[in-house]
Amino acid sequence: MDRSDLEKRLRELNFGYRARYIQEAIQYIKYTGGGMRFFDELKTLSTKDARIRLSKIMGVGRKVFEELSLKYFELYYFRIIFFFNIKFYLPSNSKKN
């Protein structure tokens, strides 16, 4: 899908003005950022360096970075709490004699 088709399709899916930013982010990551390797490298960076790297994507500034960081933080701790509860509070699947 070329650039104009992607933005058009995103607008049809009600992304509105965000369609252009999403399309630009995809293009940056795919062609400039190294594809999926971009995300692996991002995980290894300090917060400051990650912010600098992400700010190269059109539409990503301090506010967007902070929102992304918070969502990642929430997801990370949600996983820890979820798996802790499964391990310690759900009944075991082992057979009882």
PDB file of N, CA and C in Angstrom:
ATOM      1  N   MET A   1       0.849  -1.170   0.000  1.00  0.00           N
ATOM      2  CA  MET A   1       0.000   0.000   0.000  1.00  0.00           C
ATOM      3  C   MET A   1       0.897   1.237   0.000  1.00  0.00           C
ATOM      4  N   ASP A   2       0.643   2.142  -0.934  1.00  0.00           N
ATOM      5  CA  ASP A   2       1.494   3.333  -0.971  1.00  0.00           C
ATOM      6  C   ASP A   2       1.017   4.367   0.049  1.00  0.00           C
ATOM      7  N   ARG A   3       1.789   5.413   0.164  1.00  0.00           N
ATOM      8  CA  ARG A   3       1.570   6.407   1.221  1.00  0.00           C
ATOM      9  C   ARG A   3       0.185   7.025   1.177  1.00  0.00           C
ATOM     10  N   SER A   4      -0.258   7.458  -0.010  1.00  0.00           N
ATOM     11  CA  SER A   4      -1.555   8.133  -0.104  1.00  0.00           C
ATOM     12  C   SER A   4      -2.702   7.166   0.178  1.00  0.00           C
ATOM     13  N   ASP A   5      -2.567   5.911  -0.256  1.00  0.00           N
ATOM     14  CA  ASP A   5      -3.607   4.919   0.011  1.00  0.00           C
ATOM     15  C   ASP A   5      -3.713   4.616   1.500  1.00  0.00           C
ATOM     16  N   LEU A   6      -2.592   4.542   2.179  1.00  0.00           N
ATOM     17  CA  LEU A   6      -2.594   4.254   3.606  1.00  0.00           C
ATOM     18  C   LEU A   6      -3.282   5.369   4.386  1.00  0.00           C
ATOM     19  N   GLU A   7      -2.916   6.601   4.104  1.00  0.00           N
ATOM     20  CA  GLU A   7      -3.540   7.710   4.812  1.00  0.00           C
ATOM     21  C   GLU A   7      -5.039   7.757   4.524  1.00  0.00           C
ATOM     22  N   LYS A   8      -5.421   7.528   3.283  1.00  0.00           N
ATOM     23  CA  LYS A   8      -6.836   7.522   2.915  1.00  0.00           C
ATOM     24  C   LYS A   8      -7.589   6.427   3.674  1.00  0.00           C
ATOM     25  N   ARG A   9      -6.988   5.249   3.734  1.00  0.00           N
ATOM     26  CA  ARG A   9      -7.633   4.122   4.424  1.00  0.00           C
ATOM     27  C   ARG A   9      -7.767   4.402   5.921  1.00  0.00           C
ATOM     28  N   LEU A  10      -6.746   4.983   6.513  1.00  0.00           N
ATOM     29  CA  LEU A  10      -6.814   5.332   7.930  1.00  0.00           C
ATOM     30  C   LEU A  10      -7.905   6.366   8.201  1.00  0.00           C
ATOM     31  N   ARG A  11      -8.073   7.300   7.295  1.00  0.00           N
ATOM     32  CA  ARG A  11      -9.145   8.292   7.452  1.00  0.00           C
ATOM     33  C   ARG A  11     -10.514   7.625   7.348  1.00  0.00           C
ATOM     34  N   GLU A  12     -10.640   6.655   6.448  1.00  0.00           N
ATOM     35  CA  GLU A  12     -11.899   5.901   6.327  1.00  0.00           C
ATOM     36  C   GLU A  12     -12.211   5.143   7.613  1.00  0.00           C
ATOM     37  N   LEU A  13     -11.167   4.763   8.350  1.00  0.00           N
ATOM     38  CA  LEU A  13     -11.334   4.048   9.613  1.00  0.00           C
ATOM     39  C   LEU A  13     -11.489   5.000  10.800  1.00  0.00           C
ATOM     40  N   ASN A  14     -11.744   6.273  10.490  1.00  0.00           N
ATOM     41  CA  ASN A  14     -12.019   7.314  11.497  1.00  0.00           C
ATOM     42  C   ASN A  14     -10.830   7.686  12.364  1.00  0.00           C
ATOM     43  N   PHE A  15      -9.619   7.641  11.805  1.00  0.00           N
ATOM     44  CA  PHE A  15      -8.460   8.120  12.543  1.00  0.00           C
ATOM     45  C   PHE A  15      -8.313   9.633  12.414  1.00  0.00           C
ATOM     46  N   GLY A  16      -9.059  10.230  11.512  1.00  0.00           N
ATOM     47  CA  GLY A  16      -9.059  11.682  11.349  1.00  0.00           C
ATOM     48  C   GLY A  16      -7.676  12.242  11.078  1.00  0.00           C
ATOM     49  N   TYR A  17      -7.376  13.380  11.739  1.00  0.00           N
ATOM     50  CA  TYR A  17      -6.088  14.053  11.525  1.00  0.00           C
ATOM     51  C   TYR A  17      -4.902  13.173  11.907  1.00  0.00           C
ATOM     52  N   ARG A  18      -5.126  12.165  12.753  1.00  0.00           N
ATOM     53  CA  ARG A  18      -4.035  11.278  13.181  1.00  0.00           C
ATOM     54  C   ARG A  18      -3.530  10.396  12.038  1.00  0.00           C
ATOM     55  N   ALA A  19      -4.336  10.233  11.005  1.00  0.00           N
ATOM     56  CA  ALA A  19      -3.974   9.355   9.883  1.00  0.00           C
ATOM     57  C   ALA A  19      -2.625   9.738   9.283  1.00  0.00           C
ATOM     58  N   ARG A  20      -2.418  11.020   9.094  1.00  0.00           N
ATOM     59  CA  ARG A  20      -1.146  11.468   8.517  1.00  0.00           C
ATOM     60  C   ARG A  20       0.028  11.134   9.430  1.00  0.00           C
ATOM     61  N   TYR A  21      -0.145  11.339  10.735  1.00  0.00           N
ATOM     62  CA  TYR A  21       0.925  11.063  11.692  1.00  0.00           C
ATOM     63  C   TYR A  21       1.234   9.561  11.761  1.00  0.00           C
ATOM     64  N   ILE A  22       0.206   8.748  11.733  1.00  0.00           N
ATOM     65  CA  ILE A  22       0.405   7.299  11.764  1.00  0.00           C
ATOM     66  C   ILE A  22       1.132   6.848  10.512  1.00  0.00           C
ATOM     67  N   GLN A  23       0.688   7.346   9.382  1.00  0.00           N
ATOM     68  CA  GLN A  23       1.328   7.004   8.110  1.00  0.00           C
ATOM     69  C   GLN A  23       2.786   7.436   8.090  1.00  0.00           C
ATOM     70  N   GLU A  24       3.072   8.628   8.590  1.00  0.00           N
ATOM     71  CA  GLU A  24       4.453   9.116   8.644  1.00  0.00           C
ATOM     72  C   GLU A  24       5.295   8.277   9.608  1.00  0.00           C
ATOM     73  N   ALA A  25       4.729   7.884  10.744  1.00  0.00           N
ATOM     74  CA  ALA A  25       5.454   7.056  11.714  1.00  0.00           C
ATOM     75  C   ALA A  25       5.802   5.713  11.097  1.00  0.00           C
ATOM     76  N   ILE A  26       4.859   5.113  10.390  1.00  0.00           N
ATOM     77  CA  ILE A  26       5.114   3.828   9.736  1.00  0.00           C
ATOM     78  C   ILE A  26       6.228   3.970   8.708  1.00  0.00           C
ATOM     79  N   GLN A  27       6.165   5.021   7.910  1.00  0.00           N
ATOM     80  CA  GLN A  27       7.202   5.246   6.899  1.00  0.00           C
ATOM     81  C   GLN A  27       8.571   5.438   7.545  1.00  0.00           C
ATOM     82  N   TYR A  28       8.614   6.223   8.624  1.00  0.00           N
ATOM     83  CA  TYR A  28       9.893   6.476   9.302  1.00  0.00           C
ATOM     84  C   TYR A  28      10.478   5.175   9.845  1.00  0.00           C
ATOM     85  N   ILE A  29       9.655   4.427  10.557  1.00  0.00           N
ATOM     86  CA  ILE A  29      10.147   3.187  11.168  1.00  0.00           C
ATOM     87  C   ILE A  29      10.567   2.183  10.103  1.00  0.00           C
ATOM     88  N   LYS A  30       9.793   2.093   9.042  1.00  0.00           N
ATOM     89  CA  LYS A  30      10.084   1.113   7.991  1.00  0.00           C
ATOM     90  C   LYS A  30      11.349   1.468   7.207  1.00  0.00           C
ATOM     91  N   TYR A  31      11.486   2.731   6.822  1.00  0.00           N
ATOM     92  CA  TYR A  31      12.579   3.095   5.912  1.00  0.00           C
ATOM     93  C   TYR A  31      13.773   3.771   6.575  1.00  0.00           C
ATOM     94  N   THR A  32      13.575   4.446   7.692  1.00  0.00           N
ATOM     95  CA  THR A  32      14.661   5.172   8.334  1.00  0.00           C
ATOM     96  C   THR A  32      15.079   4.524   9.645  1.00  0.00           C
ATOM     97  N   GLY A  33      14.114   4.011  10.376  1.00  0.00           N
ATOM     98  CA  GLY A  33      14.367   3.501  11.710  1.00  0.00           C
ATOM     99  C   GLY A  33      14.861   2.077  11.775  1.00  0.00           C
ATOM    100  N   GLY A  34      14.874   1.372  10.668  1.00  0.00           N
ATOM    101  CA  GLY A  34      15.383   0.000  10.665  1.00  0.00           C
ATOM    102  C   GLY A  34      14.309  -1.070  10.817  1.00  0.00           C
ATOM    103  N   GLY A  35      13.063  -0.709  10.584  1.00  0.00           N
ATOM    104  CA  GLY A  35      11.987  -1.697  10.678  1.00  0.00           C
ATOM    105  C   GLY A  35      11.738  -2.116  12.115  1.00  0.00           C
ATOM    106  N   MET A  36      11.446  -3.387  12.310  1.00  0.00           N
ATOM    107  CA  MET A  36      11.123  -3.886  13.650  1.00  0.00           C
ATOM    108  C   MET A  36      12.316  -3.784  14.599  1.00  0.00           C
ATOM    109  N   ARG A  37      13.507  -3.712  14.066  1.00  0.00           N
ATOM    110  CA  ARG A  37      14.705  -3.537  14.892  1.00  0.00           C
ATOM    111  C   ARG A  37      14.634  -2.224  15.680  1.00  0.00           C
ATOM    112  N   PHE A  38      13.892  -1.262  15.149  1.00  0.00           N
ATOM    113  CA  PHE A  38      13.706   0.040  15.801  1.00  0.00           C
ATOM    114  C   PHE A  38      13.201  -0.145  17.230  1.00  0.00           C
ATOM    115  N   PHE A  39      12.220  -1.027  17.413  1.00  0.00           N
ATOM    116  CA  PHE A  39      11.622  -1.238  18.736  1.00  0.00           C
ATOM    117  C   PHE A  39      12.572  -1.963  19.677  1.00  0.00           C
ATOM    118  N   ASP A  40      13.343  -2.912  19.158  1.00  0.00           N
ATOM    119  CA  ASP A  40      14.329  -3.600  19.991  1.00  0.00           C
ATOM    120  C   ASP A  40      15.398  -2.627  20.479  1.00  0.00           C
ATOM    121  N   GLU A  41      15.854  -1.767  19.582  1.00  0.00           N
ATOM    122  CA  GLU A  41      16.871  -0.782  19.957  1.00  0.00           C
ATOM    123  C   GLU A  41      16.314   0.230  20.953  1.00  0.00           C
ATOM    124  N   LEU A  42      15.061   0.593  20.781  1.00  0.00           N
ATOM    125  CA  LEU A  42      14.417   1.561  21.663  1.00  0.00           C
ATOM    126  C   LEU A  42      14.404   1.076  23.107  1.00  0.00           C
ATOM    127  N   LYS A  43      14.208  -0.213  23.296  1.00  0.00           N
ATOM    128  CA  LYS A  43      14.164  -0.792  24.641  1.00  0.00           C
ATOM    129  C   LYS A  43      15.494  -0.671  25.368  1.00  0.00           C
ATOM    130  N   THR A  44      16.593  -0.586  24.625  1.00  0.00           N
ATOM    131  CA  THR A  44      17.917  -0.546  25.241  1.00  0.00           C
ATOM    132  C   THR A  44      18.370   0.869  25.588  1.00  0.00           C
ATOM    133  N   LEU A  45      17.634   1.871  25.154  1.00  0.00           N
ATOM    134  CA  LEU A  45      18.048   3.259  25.335  1.00  0.00           C
ATOM    135  C   LEU A  45      17.601   3.813  26.685  1.00  0.00           C
ATOM    136  N   SER A  46      18.318   4.812  27.145  1.00  0.00           N
ATOM    137  CA  SER A  46      17.886   5.538  28.337  1.00  0.00           C
ATOM    138  C   SER A  46      16.623   6.317  27.979  1.00  0.00           C
ATOM    139  N   THR A  47      15.929   6.803  28.980  1.00  0.00           N
ATOM    140  CA  THR A  47      14.705   7.571  28.733  1.00  0.00           C
ATOM    141  C   THR A  47      14.995   8.786  27.863  1.00  0.00           C
ATOM    142  N   LYS A  48      16.072   9.474  28.172  1.00  0.00           N
ATOM    143  CA  LYS A  48      16.436  10.673  27.404  1.00  0.00           C
ATOM    144  C   LYS A  48      16.724  10.325  25.948  1.00  0.00           C
ATOM    145  N   ASP A  49      17.512   9.280  25.718  1.00  0.00           N
ATOM    146  CA  ASP A  49      17.860   8.888  24.353  1.00  0.00           C
ATOM    147  C   ASP A  49      16.649   8.353  23.592  1.00  0.00           C
ATOM    148  N   ALA A  50      15.762   7.648  24.292  1.00  0.00           N
ATOM    149  CA  ALA A  50      14.542   7.148  23.649  1.00  0.00           C
ATOM    150  C   ALA A  50      13.662   8.317  23.215  1.00  0.00           C
ATOM    151  N   ARG A  51      13.568   9.341  24.069  1.00  0.00           N
ATOM    152  CA  ARG A  51      12.774  10.529  23.725  1.00  0.00           C
ATOM    153  C   ARG A  51      13.350  11.218  22.493  1.00  0.00           C
ATOM    154  N   ILE A  52      14.665  11.336  22.446  1.00  0.00           N
ATOM    155  CA  ILE A  52      15.320  11.965  21.294  1.00  0.00           C
ATOM    156  C   ILE A  52      15.049  11.152  20.029  1.00  0.00           C
ATOM    157  N   ARG A  53      15.184   9.841  20.141  1.00  0.00           N
ATOM    158  CA  ARG A  53      14.967   8.963  18.976  1.00  0.00           C
ATOM    159  C   ARG A  53      13.527   9.037  18.488  1.00  0.00           C
ATOM    160  N   LEU A  54      12.571   8.988  19.415  1.00  0.00           N
ATOM    161  CA  LEU A  54      11.164   9.031  19.026  1.00  0.00           C
ATOM    162  C   LEU A  54      10.752  10.400  18.497  1.00  0.00           C
ATOM    163  N   SER A  55      11.419  11.452  18.982  1.00  0.00           N
ATOM    164  CA  SER A  55      11.052  12.797  18.539  1.00  0.00           C
ATOM    165  C   SER A  55      11.391  13.037  17.067  1.00  0.00           C
ATOM    166  N   LYS A  56      12.131  12.143  16.463  1.00  0.00           N
ATOM    167  CA  LYS A  56      12.429  12.244  15.034  1.00  0.00           C
ATOM    168  C   LYS A  56      11.226  11.853  14.179  1.00  0.00           C
ATOM    169  N   ILE A  57      10.242  11.212  14.810  1.00  0.00           N
ATOM    170  CA  ILE A  57       9.022  10.831  14.099  1.00  0.00           C
ATOM    171  C   ILE A  57       8.064  12.012  14.133  1.00  0.00           C
ATOM    172  N   MET A  58       7.512  12.358  12.986  1.00  0.00           N
ATOM    173  CA  MET A  58       6.597  13.483  12.890  1.00  0.00           C
ATOM    174  C   MET A  58       5.443  13.310  13.880  1.00  0.00           C
ATOM    175  N   GLY A  59       5.201  14.340  14.669  1.00  0.00           N
ATOM    176  CA  GLY A  59       4.085  14.326  15.601  1.00  0.00           C
ATOM    177  C   GLY A  59       4.405  13.793  16.986  1.00  0.00           C
ATOM    178  N   VAL A  60       5.625  13.296  17.170  1.00  0.00           N
ATOM    179  CA  VAL A  60       5.999  12.784  18.487  1.00  0.00           C
ATOM    180  C   VAL A  60       6.862  13.826  19.177  1.00  0.00           C
ATOM    181  N   GLY A  61       6.283  14.421  20.183  1.00  0.00           N
ATOM    182  CA  GLY A  61       6.989  15.394  21.004  1.00  0.00           C
ATOM    183  C   GLY A  61       7.017  14.910  22.442  1.00  0.00           C
ATOM    184  N   ARG A  62       7.279  15.810  23.347  1.00  0.00           N
ATOM    185  CA  ARG A  62       7.388  15.456  24.766  1.00  0.00           C
ATOM    186  C   ARG A  62       6.083  14.847  25.296  1.00  0.00           C
ATOM    187  N   LYS A  63       4.939  15.447  24.956  1.00  0.00           N
ATOM    188  CA  LYS A  63       3.654  14.963  25.466  1.00  0.00           C
ATOM    189  C   LYS A  63       3.362  13.544  24.975  1.00  0.00           C
ATOM    190  N   VAL A  64       3.529  13.303  23.692  1.00  0.00           N
ATOM    191  CA  VAL A  64       3.279  11.969  23.136  1.00  0.00           C
ATOM    192  C   VAL A  64       4.247  10.963  23.744  1.00  0.00           C
ATOM    193  N   PHE A  65       5.510  11.346  23.890  1.00  0.00           N
ATOM    194  CA  PHE A  65       6.495  10.444  24.492  1.00  0.00           C
ATOM    195  C   PHE A  65       6.086  10.068  25.913  1.00  0.00           C
ATOM    196  N   GLU A  66       5.671  11.059  26.700  1.00  0.00           N
ATOM    197  CA  GLU A  66       5.266  10.779  28.077  1.00  0.00           C
ATOM    198  C   GLU A  66       4.048   9.869  28.128  1.00  0.00           C
ATOM    199  N   GLU A  67       3.108  10.051  27.213  1.00  0.00           N
ATOM    200  CA  GLU A  67       1.937   9.178  27.160  1.00  0.00           C
ATOM    201  C   GLU A  67       2.337   7.749  26.783  1.00  0.00           C
ATOM    202  N   LEU A  68       3.226   7.619  25.814  1.00  0.00           N
ATOM    203  CA  LEU A  68       3.701   6.285  25.422  1.00  0.00           C
ATOM    204  C   LEU A  68       4.434   5.611  26.574  1.00  0.00           C
ATOM    205  N   SER A  69       5.257   6.373  27.272  1.00  0.00           N
ATOM    206  CA  SER A  69       6.007   5.824  28.406  1.00  0.00           C
ATOM    207  C   SER A  69       5.070   5.362  29.503  1.00  0.00           C
ATOM    208  N   LEU A  70       4.062   6.161  29.783  1.00  0.00           N
ATOM    209  CA  LEU A  70       3.105   5.802  30.823  1.00  0.00           C
ATOM    210  C   LEU A  70       2.338   4.536  30.445  1.00  0.00           C
ATOM    211  N   LYS A  71       1.909   4.432  29.199  1.00  0.00           N
ATOM    212  CA  LYS A  71       1.181   3.236  28.755  1.00  0.00           C
ATOM    213  C   LYS A  71       2.071   2.005  28.851  1.00  0.00           C
ATOM    214  N   TYR A  72       3.333   2.133  28.470  1.00  0.00           N
ATOM    215  CA  TYR A  72       4.253   1.001  28.569  1.00  0.00           C
ATOM    216  C   TYR A  72       4.441   0.607  30.034  1.00  0.00           C
ATOM    217  N   PHE A  73       4.609   1.598  30.894  1.00  0.00           N
ATOM    218  CA  PHE A  73       4.771   1.363  32.329  1.00  0.00           C
ATOM    219  C   PHE A  73       3.549   0.651  32.891  1.00  0.00           C
ATOM    220  N   GLU A  74       2.340   1.137  32.541  1.00  0.00           N
ATOM    221  CA  GLU A  74       1.100   0.516  33.010  1.00  0.00           C
ATOM    222  C   GLU A  74       0.997  -0.926  32.524  1.00  0.00           C
ATOM    223  N   LEU A  75       1.301  -1.160  31.266  1.00  0.00           N
ATOM    224  CA  LEU A  75       1.212  -2.507  30.698  1.00  0.00           C
ATOM    225  C   LEU A  75       2.204  -3.445  31.371  1.00  0.00           C
ATOM    226  N   TYR A  76       3.410  -2.962  31.607  1.00  0.00           N
ATOM    227  CA  TYR A  76       4.445  -3.772  32.245  1.00  0.00           C
ATOM    228  C   TYR A  76       3.988  -4.226  33.632  1.00  0.00           C
ATOM    229  N   TYR A  77       3.496  -3.296  34.435  1.00  0.00           N
ATOM    230  CA  TYR A  77       3.067  -3.649  35.787  1.00  0.00           C
ATOM    231  C   TYR A  77       1.754  -4.434  35.798  1.00  0.00           C
ATOM    232  N   PHE A  78       0.910  -4.193  34.825  1.00  0.00           N
ATOM    233  CA  PHE A  78      -0.304  -4.996  34.715  1.00  0.00           C
ATOM    234  C   PHE A  78       0.063  -6.461  34.488  1.00  0.00           C
ATOM    235  N   ARG A  79       1.038  -6.715  33.614  1.00  0.00           N
ATOM    236  CA  ARG A  79       1.476  -8.094  33.358  1.00  0.00           C
ATOM    237  C   ARG A  79       2.024  -8.746  34.623  1.00  0.00           C
ATOM    238  N   ILE A  80       2.836  -8.023  35.363  1.00  0.00           N
ATOM    239  CA  ILE A  80       3.412  -8.572  36.595  1.00  0.00           C
ATOM    240  C   ILE A  80       2.298  -8.941  37.575  1.00  0.00           C
ATOM    241  N   ILE A  81       1.369  -8.028  37.793  1.00  0.00           N
ATOM    242  CA  ILE A  81       0.271  -8.286  38.730  1.00  0.00           C
ATOM    243  C   ILE A  81      -0.612  -9.420  38.233  1.00  0.00           C
ATOM    244  N   PHE A  82      -0.901  -9.443  36.947  1.00  0.00           N
ATOM    245  CA  PHE A  82      -1.746 -10.481  36.367  1.00  0.00           C
ATOM    246  C   PHE A  82      -1.131 -11.865  36.575  1.00  0.00           C
ATOM    247  N   PHE A  83       0.125 -12.023  36.205  1.00  0.00           N
ATOM    248  CA  PHE A  83       0.768 -13.335  36.324  1.00  0.00           C
ATOM    249  C   PHE A  83       1.012 -13.735  37.780  1.00  0.00           C
ATOM    250  N   PHE A  84       1.262 -12.763  38.633  1.00  0.00           N
ATOM    251  CA  PHE A  84       1.392 -13.050  40.062  1.00  0.00           C
ATOM    252  C   PHE A  84       0.073 -13.630  40.586  1.00  0.00           C
ATOM    253  N   ASN A  85      -1.028 -13.004  40.226  1.00  0.00           N
ATOM    254  CA  ASN A  85      -2.338 -13.475  40.671  1.00  0.00           C
ATOM    255  C   ASN A  85      -2.665 -14.850  40.113  1.00  0.00           C
ATOM    256  N   ILE A  86      -2.320 -15.102  38.877  1.00  0.00           N
ATOM    257  CA  ILE A  86      -2.568 -16.427  38.303  1.00  0.00           C
ATOM    258  C   ILE A  86      -1.778 -17.480  39.061  1.00  0.00           C
ATOM    259  N   LYS A  87      -0.520 -17.177  39.327  1.00  0.00           N
ATOM    260  CA  LYS A  87       0.341 -18.162  39.972  1.00  0.00           C
ATOM    261  C   LYS A  87      -0.067 -18.449  41.415  1.00  0.00           C
ATOM    262  N   PHE A  88      -0.424 -17.420  42.158  1.00  0.00           N
ATOM    263  CA  PHE A  88      -0.633 -17.604  43.598  1.00  0.00           C
ATOM    264  C   PHE A  88      -2.087 -17.671  44.051  1.00  0.00           C
ATOM    265  N   TYR A  89      -3.006 -17.199  43.231  1.00  0.00           N
ATOM    266  CA  TYR A  89      -4.380 -17.135  43.716  1.00  0.00           C
ATOM    267  C   TYR A  89      -5.377 -18.005  42.961  1.00  0.00           C
ATOM    268  N   LEU A  90      -5.055 -18.433  41.768  1.00  0.00           N
ATOM    269  CA  LEU A  90      -5.969 -19.328  41.053  1.00  0.00           C
ATOM    270  C   LEU A  90      -5.716 -20.766  41.506  1.00  0.00           C
ATOM    271  N   PRO A  91      -6.779 -21.555  41.562  1.00  0.00           N
ATOM    272  CA  PRO A  91      -6.580 -22.957  41.955  1.00  0.00           C
ATOM    273  C   PRO A  91      -5.632 -23.675  40.994  1.00  0.00           C
ATOM    274  N   SER A  92      -4.889 -24.586  41.547  1.00  0.00           N
ATOM    275  CA  SER A  92      -3.941 -25.350  40.736  1.00  0.00           C
ATOM    276  C   SER A  92      -4.696 -26.295  39.815  1.00  0.00           C
ATOM    277  N   ASN A  93      -4.117 -26.559  38.673  1.00  0.00           N
ATOM    278  CA  ASN A  93      -4.711 -27.504  37.729  1.00  0.00           C
ATOM    279  C   ASN A  93      -4.283 -28.946  38.019  1.00  0.00           C
ATOM    280  N   SER A  94      -3.477 -29.101  39.030  1.00  0.00           N
ATOM    281  CA  SER A  94      -2.985 -30.452  39.327  1.00  0.00           C
ATOM    282  C   SER A  94      -4.106 -31.297  39.890  1.00  0.00           C
ATOM    283  N   LYS A  95      -4.024 -32.619  39.651  1.00  0.00           N
ATOM    284  CA  LYS A  95      -5.032 -33.559  40.130  1.00  0.00           C
ATOM    285  C   LYS A  95      -4.855 -33.793  41.620  1.00  0.00           C
ATOM    286  N   LYS A  96      -5.994 -33.853  42.303  1.00  0.00           N
ATOM    287  CA  LYS A  96      -5.965 -34.107  43.739  1.00  0.00           C
ATOM    288  C   LYS A  96      -6.344 -35.558  43.974  1.00  0.00           C
ATOM    289  N   ASN A  97      -5.691 -36.194  44.934  1.00  0.00           N
ATOM    290  CA  ASN A  97      -5.989 -37.592  45.255  1.00  0.00           C
ATOM    291  C   ASN A  97      -7.152 -37.694  46.181  1.00  0.00           C
TER     292      ASN A  97
END
